[in-house]
N, C-alpha and C. Protein backbone atom coordinates (compact mmCIF):
# COMPACT_ATOMS: atom_id res chain seq x y z
N UNK A 1 82.09 -226.64 -19.32
CA UNK A 1 82.91 -227.48 -20.06
C UNK A 1 83.05 -228.12 -21.42
N UNK A 2 83.92 -228.40 -21.74
CA UNK A 2 84.49 -228.69 -23.12
C UNK A 2 85.42 -229.80 -22.91
N UNK A 3 85.66 -230.80 -23.81
CA UNK A 3 86.26 -232.08 -24.45
C UNK A 3 87.08 -231.67 -25.18
N UNK A 4 88.64 -231.81 -25.27
CA UNK A 4 89.62 -231.64 -25.76
C UNK A 4 90.08 -232.81 -26.11
N UNK A 5 91.00 -232.81 -27.28
CA UNK A 5 92.00 -234.28 -26.92
C UNK A 5 93.70 -233.87 -26.70
N UNK A 6 94.18 -234.58 -25.95
CA UNK A 6 95.39 -234.40 -25.00
C UNK A 6 96.62 -234.98 -26.31
N UNK A 7 97.40 -233.95 -26.32
CA UNK A 7 98.26 -233.84 -27.00
C UNK A 7 99.80 -234.89 -26.26
N UNK A 8 99.43 -235.96 -26.54
CA UNK A 8 100.82 -236.77 -25.99
C UNK A 8 101.03 -237.54 -26.90
N UNK A 9 100.50 -237.64 -28.07
CA UNK A 9 100.88 -238.56 -29.80
C UNK A 9 102.34 -238.18 -29.59
N UNK A 10 103.18 -236.97 -30.25
CA UNK A 10 104.37 -236.92 -30.74
C UNK A 10 105.26 -237.62 -29.44
N UNK A 11 105.22 -237.21 -28.17
CA UNK A 11 105.76 -237.73 -27.07
C UNK A 11 106.12 -239.11 -27.14
N UNK A 12 104.52 -239.84 -27.35
CA UNK A 12 104.29 -241.39 -27.10
C UNK A 12 105.34 -241.90 -28.54
N UNK A 13 105.09 -241.46 -29.66
CA UNK A 13 105.67 -241.76 -30.96
C UNK A 13 106.86 -242.09 -30.71
N UNK A 14 107.59 -240.91 -30.14
CA UNK A 14 109.12 -240.64 -30.03
C UNK A 14 110.22 -241.60 -29.28
N UNK A 15 108.96 -241.93 -27.93
CA UNK A 15 109.37 -242.99 -27.20
C UNK A 15 109.22 -244.48 -28.23
N UNK A 16 107.97 -244.79 -28.63
CA UNK A 16 108.14 -246.07 -29.45
C UNK A 16 109.28 -246.12 -30.18
N UNK A 17 109.76 -245.34 -31.07
CA UNK A 17 111.08 -245.16 -32.00
C UNK A 17 112.21 -245.35 -31.16
N UNK A 18 112.29 -245.05 -29.88
CA UNK A 18 113.68 -245.08 -28.99
C UNK A 18 113.56 -246.89 -28.68
N UNK A 19 112.43 -246.96 -28.54
CA UNK A 19 112.40 -248.86 -27.49
C UNK A 19 112.81 -249.36 -28.91
N UNK A 20 112.12 -249.37 -30.58
CA UNK A 20 112.45 -250.17 -31.85
C UNK A 20 113.44 -249.83 -32.03
N UNK A 21 114.51 -248.72 -31.65
CA UNK A 21 115.38 -248.36 -32.23
C UNK A 21 117.29 -249.82 -31.45
N UNK A 22 116.78 -249.47 -29.85
CA UNK A 22 117.07 -249.93 -28.59
C UNK A 22 116.60 -251.29 -28.96
N UNK A 23 115.86 -252.05 -29.34
CA UNK A 23 115.45 -253.73 -29.73
C UNK A 23 116.49 -254.35 -30.36
N UNK A 24 116.60 -253.34 -31.73
CA UNK A 24 116.95 -253.62 -33.17
C UNK A 24 118.63 -253.62 -32.76
N UNK A 25 119.51 -252.52 -31.94
CA UNK A 25 120.64 -252.63 -31.61
C UNK A 25 120.87 -254.46 -30.69
N UNK A 26 119.98 -254.33 -30.14
CA UNK A 26 120.53 -255.75 -29.27
C UNK A 26 120.32 -256.78 -29.74
N UNK A 27 119.61 -257.24 -30.99
CA UNK A 27 118.84 -258.14 -31.69
C UNK A 27 117.67 -258.82 -31.25
N UNK A 28 116.61 -257.68 -31.06
CA UNK A 28 115.40 -258.40 -30.48
C UNK A 28 114.40 -258.02 -31.36
N UNK A 29 113.46 -258.80 -31.96
CA UNK A 29 112.64 -258.71 -33.09
C UNK A 29 111.56 -257.31 -32.13
N UNK A 30 111.29 -256.14 -33.43
CA UNK A 30 110.55 -255.84 -33.25
C UNK A 30 108.89 -255.73 -32.11
N UNK A 31 108.53 -254.77 -31.49
CA UNK A 31 107.08 -255.22 -30.51
C UNK A 31 106.51 -254.72 -31.67
N UNK A 32 105.26 -255.89 -31.59
CA UNK A 32 103.74 -255.15 -32.53
C UNK A 32 103.68 -253.73 -32.48
N UNK A 33 103.20 -253.11 -33.24
CA UNK A 33 102.65 -251.66 -33.20
C UNK A 33 101.23 -251.43 -32.88
N UNK A 34 101.20 -251.03 -31.70
CA UNK A 34 100.09 -250.48 -30.84
C UNK A 34 98.74 -249.60 -31.65
N UNK A 35 97.80 -249.92 -31.76
CA UNK A 35 96.88 -249.18 -32.25
C UNK A 35 97.06 -247.61 -31.29
N UNK A 36 97.28 -246.68 -32.36
CA UNK A 36 96.51 -245.14 -31.58
C UNK A 36 95.64 -244.94 -30.90
N UNK A 37 96.08 -244.12 -29.95
CA UNK A 37 95.17 -244.09 -28.53
C UNK A 37 94.80 -242.60 -28.71
N UNK A 38 93.42 -242.17 -28.53
CA UNK A 38 93.00 -240.63 -28.64
C UNK A 38 92.83 -240.74 -27.27
N UNK A 39 93.66 -239.81 -26.80
CA UNK A 39 93.43 -238.92 -25.34
C UNK A 39 92.47 -238.19 -24.96
N UNK A 40 91.21 -237.84 -24.70
CA UNK A 40 90.64 -236.76 -24.45
C UNK A 40 89.81 -236.35 -22.69
N UNK A 41 89.92 -235.45 -22.53
CA UNK A 41 89.71 -234.72 -21.18
C UNK A 41 88.69 -233.72 -21.22
N UNK A 42 88.05 -233.67 -20.65
CA UNK A 42 86.93 -232.31 -20.13
C UNK A 42 87.70 -231.58 -19.48
N UNK A 43 87.30 -230.37 -19.82
CA UNK A 43 88.17 -228.99 -19.17
C UNK A 43 86.97 -227.89 -18.98
N UNK A 44 87.23 -227.11 -18.43
CA UNK A 44 86.22 -225.99 -17.95
C UNK A 44 86.63 -224.99 -19.42
N UNK A 45 85.57 -224.21 -20.31
CA UNK A 45 86.27 -223.76 -21.26
C UNK A 45 85.24 -221.82 -21.05
N UNK A 46 85.86 -221.24 -21.08
CA UNK A 46 85.40 -219.83 -21.38
C UNK A 46 85.01 -219.44 -22.46
N UNK A 47 83.41 -218.83 -21.57
CA UNK A 47 82.64 -218.70 -23.17
C UNK A 47 83.27 -216.89 -23.91
N UNK A 48 83.64 -216.07 -22.69
CA UNK A 48 84.07 -214.56 -22.61
C UNK A 48 85.40 -214.65 -23.06
N UNK A 49 86.39 -215.56 -22.41
CA UNK A 49 88.12 -215.67 -22.99
C UNK A 49 88.33 -217.00 -23.59
N UNK A 50 87.98 -217.37 -24.55
CA UNK A 50 88.42 -218.78 -25.10
C UNK A 50 89.54 -219.09 -25.08
N UNK A 51 90.41 -218.12 -24.89
CA UNK A 51 92.01 -218.38 -25.16
C UNK A 51 92.58 -218.89 -23.65
N UNK A 52 91.49 -218.26 -22.71
CA UNK A 52 92.71 -218.20 -21.24
C UNK A 52 92.21 -220.21 -20.67
N UNK A 53 92.47 -220.06 -19.65
CA UNK A 53 92.40 -221.33 -19.08
C UNK A 53 92.37 -221.15 -17.36
N UNK A 54 91.80 -222.74 -17.18
CA UNK A 54 91.04 -222.75 -15.73
C UNK A 54 92.09 -223.00 -15.05
N UNK A 55 92.48 -222.63 -13.88
CA UNK A 55 93.56 -222.70 -12.98
C UNK A 55 93.18 -222.94 -11.78
N UNK A 56 93.48 -223.95 -10.94
CA UNK A 56 92.95 -224.51 -9.79
C UNK A 56 94.56 -225.17 -9.42
N UNK A 57 95.14 -224.15 -8.05
CA UNK A 57 96.31 -224.64 -7.38
C UNK A 57 96.33 -223.95 -5.77
N UNK A 58 96.42 -225.31 -5.10
CA UNK A 58 95.95 -224.79 -3.52
C UNK A 58 96.79 -223.87 -3.21
N UNK A 59 96.20 -223.03 -2.15
CA UNK A 59 96.43 -221.78 -1.65
C UNK A 59 96.43 -220.41 -3.02
N UNK A 60 95.92 -220.66 -4.31
CA UNK A 60 95.64 -219.67 -5.08
C UNK A 60 94.61 -219.32 -5.37
N UNK A 61 94.31 -218.36 -6.17
CA UNK A 61 93.07 -217.69 -6.43
C UNK A 61 92.59 -218.90 -8.11
N UNK A 62 91.33 -219.39 -7.80
CA UNK A 62 90.60 -220.09 -8.98
C UNK A 62 89.90 -219.53 -9.58
N UNK A 63 90.15 -219.42 -11.13
CA UNK A 63 89.69 -219.00 -12.28
C UNK A 63 90.30 -218.95 -13.44
N UNK A 64 89.86 -218.69 -14.58
CA UNK A 64 90.40 -218.04 -15.87
C UNK A 64 91.57 -217.55 -15.44
N UNK A 65 92.89 -217.61 -16.17
CA UNK A 65 94.21 -217.20 -16.13
C UNK A 65 94.94 -217.38 -17.20
N UNK A 66 95.85 -216.46 -17.41
CA UNK A 66 96.80 -216.63 -18.28
C UNK A 66 98.30 -216.99 -17.23
N UNK A 67 99.31 -217.59 -17.90
CA UNK A 67 100.43 -217.74 -16.79
C UNK A 67 102.05 -216.81 -17.89
N UNK A 68 102.59 -216.64 -17.50
CA UNK A 68 103.45 -215.93 -18.02
C UNK A 68 105.05 -216.91 -17.48
N UNK A 69 105.63 -216.87 -18.30
CA UNK A 69 106.76 -218.21 -18.00
C UNK A 69 108.41 -217.10 -18.60
N UNK A 70 109.02 -217.28 -17.76
CA UNK A 70 110.46 -215.97 -18.24
C UNK A 70 111.13 -217.17 -17.57
N UNK A 71 112.52 -216.85 -18.56
CA UNK A 71 113.62 -217.51 -18.42
C UNK A 71 114.49 -216.47 -17.88
N UNK A 72 115.86 -216.57 -17.59
CA UNK A 72 116.43 -215.38 -16.78
C UNK A 72 117.66 -216.08 -17.13
N UNK A 73 118.56 -215.03 -17.51
CA UNK A 73 120.22 -215.64 -17.42
C UNK A 73 120.71 -215.64 -15.81
N UNK A 74 121.21 -216.49 -15.62
CA UNK A 74 121.89 -216.76 -14.18
C UNK A 74 122.70 -215.95 -13.90
N UNK A 75 124.15 -215.62 -14.35
CA UNK A 75 124.82 -214.90 -14.22
C UNK A 75 124.49 -213.22 -13.92
N UNK A 76 123.87 -212.91 -14.78
CA UNK A 76 123.22 -211.43 -14.27
C UNK A 76 121.68 -211.43 -13.91
N UNK A 77 121.35 -212.32 -13.70
CA UNK A 77 119.49 -212.46 -13.54
C UNK A 77 118.88 -211.45 -14.27
N UNK A 78 119.11 -211.56 -15.63
CA UNK A 78 118.40 -210.82 -16.52
C UNK A 78 116.97 -211.70 -17.20
N UNK A 79 116.11 -211.33 -17.46
CA UNK A 79 114.94 -212.20 -18.13
C UNK A 79 115.44 -211.76 -19.64
N UNK A 80 115.53 -212.76 -20.50
CA UNK A 80 116.07 -212.80 -21.96
C UNK A 80 114.52 -213.59 -22.37
N UNK A 81 113.85 -213.83 -21.67
CA UNK A 81 112.40 -214.24 -22.66
C UNK A 81 111.15 -214.44 -21.81
N UNK A 82 110.13 -213.73 -22.45
CA UNK A 82 108.92 -214.26 -21.44
C UNK A 82 107.82 -214.48 -22.43
N UNK A 83 107.06 -215.67 -22.04
CA UNK A 83 105.73 -216.56 -23.15
C UNK A 83 104.96 -216.63 -22.34
N UNK A 84 103.67 -216.77 -22.60
CA UNK A 84 102.28 -216.47 -22.26
C UNK A 84 101.56 -217.54 -22.72
N UNK A 85 101.23 -218.22 -21.75
CA UNK A 85 99.88 -219.54 -21.92
C UNK A 85 98.80 -219.36 -21.31
N UNK A 86 97.93 -220.12 -21.62
CA UNK A 86 96.76 -220.03 -20.51
C UNK A 86 96.90 -220.68 -19.48
N UNK A 87 95.94 -220.35 -18.31
CA UNK A 87 96.27 -220.51 -16.83
C UNK A 87 96.34 -222.42 -16.80
N UNK A 88 95.55 -223.02 -17.47
CA UNK A 88 95.50 -224.54 -17.78
C UNK A 88 96.78 -225.11 -18.33
N UNK A 89 97.65 -224.68 -18.80
CA UNK A 89 98.83 -225.33 -18.92
C UNK A 89 100.10 -225.50 -18.22
N UNK A 90 100.35 -226.55 -18.28
CA UNK A 90 101.73 -226.70 -17.22
C UNK A 90 103.14 -225.82 -17.57
N UNK A 91 103.56 -225.75 -16.51
CA UNK A 91 104.70 -224.87 -16.77
C UNK A 91 105.84 -225.54 -17.60
N UNK A 92 105.64 -227.14 -17.73
CA UNK A 92 107.00 -227.30 -18.09
C UNK A 92 106.39 -227.77 -19.81
N UNK A 93 105.56 -227.52 -19.70
CA UNK A 93 104.85 -227.78 -21.32
C UNK A 93 105.77 -227.07 -22.27
N UNK A 94 105.73 -225.61 -22.23
CA UNK A 94 106.48 -225.22 -23.28
C UNK A 94 108.22 -224.84 -23.04
N UNK A 95 108.55 -225.43 -21.87
CA UNK A 95 109.95 -225.36 -21.54
C UNK A 95 111.04 -225.80 -22.81
N UNK A 96 110.87 -226.65 -23.24
CA UNK A 96 112.42 -226.93 -24.84
C UNK A 96 111.84 -226.33 -25.71
N UNK A 97 110.55 -225.55 -25.80
CA UNK A 97 110.62 -224.71 -26.99
C UNK A 97 111.38 -223.53 -27.07
N UNK A 98 110.99 -223.15 -25.66
CA UNK A 98 111.32 -221.97 -25.08
C UNK A 98 113.04 -221.65 -24.97
N UNK A 99 113.48 -223.09 -24.77
CA UNK A 99 114.94 -223.15 -24.38
C UNK A 99 115.70 -223.33 -25.77
N UNK A 100 114.83 -223.88 -26.63
CA UNK A 100 115.59 -223.91 -28.29
C UNK A 100 115.45 -222.51 -28.88
N UNK A 101 114.39 -221.68 -28.64
CA UNK A 101 113.89 -220.39 -28.72
C UNK A 101 115.33 -219.43 -28.62
N UNK A 102 115.64 -219.55 -27.35
CA UNK A 102 116.81 -218.69 -26.70
C UNK A 102 117.92 -219.43 -27.31
N UNK A 103 118.44 -220.42 -27.69
CA UNK A 103 119.35 -220.75 -27.87
C UNK A 103 119.54 -220.38 -29.34
N UNK A 104 118.18 -220.72 -30.29
CA UNK A 104 118.41 -219.66 -31.60
C UNK A 104 119.05 -218.43 -31.53
N UNK A 105 118.05 -217.54 -30.89
CA UNK A 105 117.89 -216.08 -30.96
C UNK A 105 119.16 -215.75 -30.40
N UNK A 106 119.85 -215.95 -29.05
CA UNK A 106 120.93 -215.23 -28.72
C UNK A 106 122.45 -216.02 -28.92
N UNK A 107 122.32 -217.33 -29.46
CA UNK A 107 123.22 -218.04 -30.06
C UNK A 107 123.93 -218.02 -28.92
N UNK A 108 123.36 -219.04 -27.79
CA UNK A 108 124.22 -219.60 -26.36
C UNK A 108 124.21 -220.83 -26.85
N UNK A 109 125.26 -221.13 -25.78
CA UNK A 109 126.15 -222.28 -26.22
C UNK A 109 125.79 -223.07 -24.40
N UNK A 110 124.68 -223.56 -24.23
CA UNK A 110 123.90 -223.96 -22.67
C UNK A 110 124.65 -224.86 -22.81
N UNK A 111 125.04 -225.46 -21.63
CA UNK A 111 126.09 -226.28 -20.95
C UNK A 111 124.89 -226.84 -19.84
N UNK A 112 124.58 -225.89 -19.03
CA UNK A 112 123.76 -226.57 -18.15
C UNK A 112 122.27 -225.62 -17.78
N UNK A 113 121.51 -226.22 -17.12
CA UNK A 113 120.27 -225.23 -16.84
C UNK A 113 119.86 -225.91 -15.50
N UNK A 114 119.01 -224.47 -14.40
CA UNK A 114 118.59 -225.05 -13.17
C UNK A 114 117.30 -224.93 -13.03
N UNK A 115 116.61 -225.90 -12.85
CA UNK A 115 115.23 -225.80 -12.54
C UNK A 115 114.09 -226.45 -11.50
N UNK A 116 113.20 -225.79 -11.22
CA UNK A 116 112.66 -226.39 -10.06
C UNK A 116 111.89 -227.50 -10.24
N UNK A 117 111.43 -228.18 -9.18
CA UNK A 117 110.47 -229.46 -8.88
C UNK A 117 109.54 -229.49 -10.40
N UNK A 118 109.18 -228.55 -10.95
CA UNK A 118 107.70 -228.56 -11.48
C UNK A 118 107.97 -229.12 -12.99
N UNK A 119 109.67 -229.11 -13.02
CA UNK A 119 110.10 -229.31 -14.15
C UNK A 119 110.45 -230.67 -14.47
N UNK A 120 110.76 -231.66 -13.67
CA UNK A 120 111.11 -232.88 -13.56
C UNK A 120 110.08 -234.02 -13.82
N UNK A 121 110.59 -234.00 -15.43
CA UNK A 121 109.10 -234.76 -16.24
C UNK A 121 110.30 -235.41 -17.10
N UNK A 122 109.59 -236.64 -17.41
CA UNK A 122 110.60 -237.32 -18.75
C UNK A 122 110.78 -236.39 -20.03
N UNK A 123 110.16 -236.25 -20.37
CA UNK A 123 109.96 -235.46 -21.57
C UNK A 123 110.90 -234.05 -21.45
N UNK A 124 111.20 -233.48 -20.22
CA UNK A 124 112.16 -232.33 -20.24
C UNK A 124 113.87 -233.17 -19.84
N UNK A 125 113.89 -234.31 -19.00
CA UNK A 125 114.64 -234.91 -18.85
C UNK A 125 115.54 -235.53 -20.23
N UNK A 126 114.39 -236.18 -20.93
CA UNK A 126 114.83 -236.73 -22.38
C UNK A 126 115.71 -235.55 -23.38
N UNK A 127 114.31 -234.60 -23.36
CA UNK A 127 114.88 -233.45 -24.25
C UNK A 127 116.17 -232.67 -23.94
N UNK A 128 116.50 -232.43 -22.30
CA UNK A 128 117.45 -232.05 -22.02
C UNK A 128 118.98 -233.37 -22.64
N UNK A 129 118.50 -234.44 -22.60
CA UNK A 129 119.55 -235.30 -22.97
C UNK A 129 120.16 -235.05 -24.10
N UNK A 130 118.85 -235.18 -25.05
CA UNK A 130 119.03 -235.11 -26.71
C UNK A 130 119.65 -233.93 -27.06
N UNK A 131 119.65 -233.10 -26.30
CA UNK A 131 120.47 -231.55 -26.17
C UNK A 131 122.21 -231.55 -25.75
N UNK A 132 122.19 -232.24 -25.00
CA UNK A 132 123.66 -232.49 -24.54
C UNK A 132 124.02 -231.12 -23.56
N UNK A 133 122.48 -230.92 -22.63
CA UNK A 133 122.80 -230.01 -22.04
C UNK A 133 122.41 -230.53 -20.38
N UNK A 134 123.09 -230.37 -19.60
CA UNK A 134 123.19 -231.15 -18.26
C UNK A 134 122.01 -230.17 -17.57
N UNK A 135 121.10 -231.08 -16.58
CA UNK A 135 120.06 -230.42 -16.09
C UNK A 135 120.08 -230.38 -14.39
N UNK A 136 120.05 -229.30 -14.25
CA UNK A 136 119.83 -229.57 -12.23
C UNK A 136 118.40 -229.43 -11.92
N UNK A 137 118.10 -230.44 -11.29
CA UNK A 137 116.61 -230.45 -11.25
C UNK A 137 116.09 -230.76 -10.18
N UNK A 138 115.53 -229.84 -9.13
CA UNK A 138 115.34 -230.50 -7.78
C UNK A 138 114.12 -231.43 -7.87
N UNK A 139 114.25 -232.13 -6.75
CA UNK A 139 113.03 -233.31 -6.85
C UNK A 139 112.03 -232.82 -5.56
N UNK A 140 111.01 -233.70 -5.85
CA UNK A 140 109.68 -233.25 -4.83
C UNK A 140 109.68 -234.05 -3.90
N UNK A 141 109.76 -233.27 -2.22
CA UNK A 141 109.55 -234.27 -1.53
C UNK A 141 108.28 -234.83 -1.04
N UNK A 142 107.59 -235.89 -1.76
CA UNK A 142 106.32 -236.14 -1.17
C UNK A 142 105.79 -236.55 0.09
N UNK A 143 104.89 -236.06 0.71
CA UNK A 143 104.25 -236.32 2.11
C UNK A 143 103.84 -237.44 2.34
N UNK A 144 103.87 -238.34 2.90
CA UNK A 144 103.60 -239.51 3.28
C UNK A 144 101.59 -239.29 3.97
N UNK A 145 100.62 -240.47 3.47
CA UNK A 145 100.01 -240.08 4.32
C UNK A 145 99.68 -239.87 5.83
N UNK A 146 98.64 -239.21 6.15
CA UNK A 146 98.77 -238.96 7.39
C UNK A 146 98.57 -240.04 8.22
N UNK A 147 99.18 -240.14 9.23
CA UNK A 147 99.33 -241.68 10.27
C UNK A 147 100.57 -242.47 9.94
N UNK A 148 100.72 -242.76 8.53
CA UNK A 148 102.01 -243.52 8.22
C UNK A 148 103.09 -243.14 8.40
N UNK A 149 103.84 -243.94 8.68
CA UNK A 149 105.75 -243.37 9.08
C UNK A 149 106.36 -243.71 7.46
N UNK A 150 107.14 -242.24 7.50
CA UNK A 150 107.96 -242.02 5.77
C UNK A 150 108.89 -243.45 5.88
N UNK A 151 109.33 -243.75 5.10
CA UNK A 151 110.62 -244.92 4.53
C UNK A 151 111.58 -244.60 5.62
N UNK A 152 112.20 -243.42 6.07
CA UNK A 152 113.40 -242.78 6.43
C UNK A 152 113.31 -243.22 7.94
N UNK A 153 112.09 -243.26 8.59
CA UNK A 153 111.84 -243.68 10.13
C UNK A 153 111.76 -245.38 10.51
N UNK A 154 112.29 -245.76 9.14
CA UNK A 154 112.25 -247.16 9.70
C UNK A 154 113.76 -247.94 10.03
N UNK A 155 114.23 -248.43 10.88
CA UNK A 155 115.63 -249.12 11.07
C UNK A 155 115.29 -250.77 11.16
N UNK A 156 116.56 -251.01 10.58
CA UNK A 156 116.98 -252.35 10.02
C UNK A 156 117.24 -253.39 11.31
N UNK A 157 116.61 -254.03 11.94
CA UNK A 157 116.77 -255.09 13.05
C UNK A 157 117.03 -256.65 12.53
N UNK A 158 118.07 -257.21 12.72
CA UNK A 158 118.13 -258.04 12.26
C UNK A 158 117.92 -259.35 12.88
N UNK A 159 117.79 -259.37 13.87
CA UNK A 159 117.06 -259.77 14.91
C UNK A 159 115.60 -260.28 14.82
């Protein structure tokens, strides 16, 4: 096991800047600056292959792995980019950098992207909006706790 520092500071900094800009536009006084928080987490670290990452997903093998992230052209279904990360890096983390890489490399004019529900994160939604790209992202269907009724099974009874 190894303790690492989580890299969320750039995203937090961007959010705080956007909040301050919005407050200025609406004539509100700026919020007081918050103390920088260093988030740490404990991870499993391989002593034989330190660049790999420990992956655990339901119904998948558990251990130290690598993941490859592929970008495909929707029109012709051709793989236009492949990128490898440690197994403990979420699929959504390298997405915006890879998108920018594709745009720069092939001079693509990207109008829209289609992504599965794993990419429905606030940084990706904001990144797509900043790039003026329409994102079609599936949503996750959360299953209610066993024994509880889902919201759609309830009906309004005015009496």
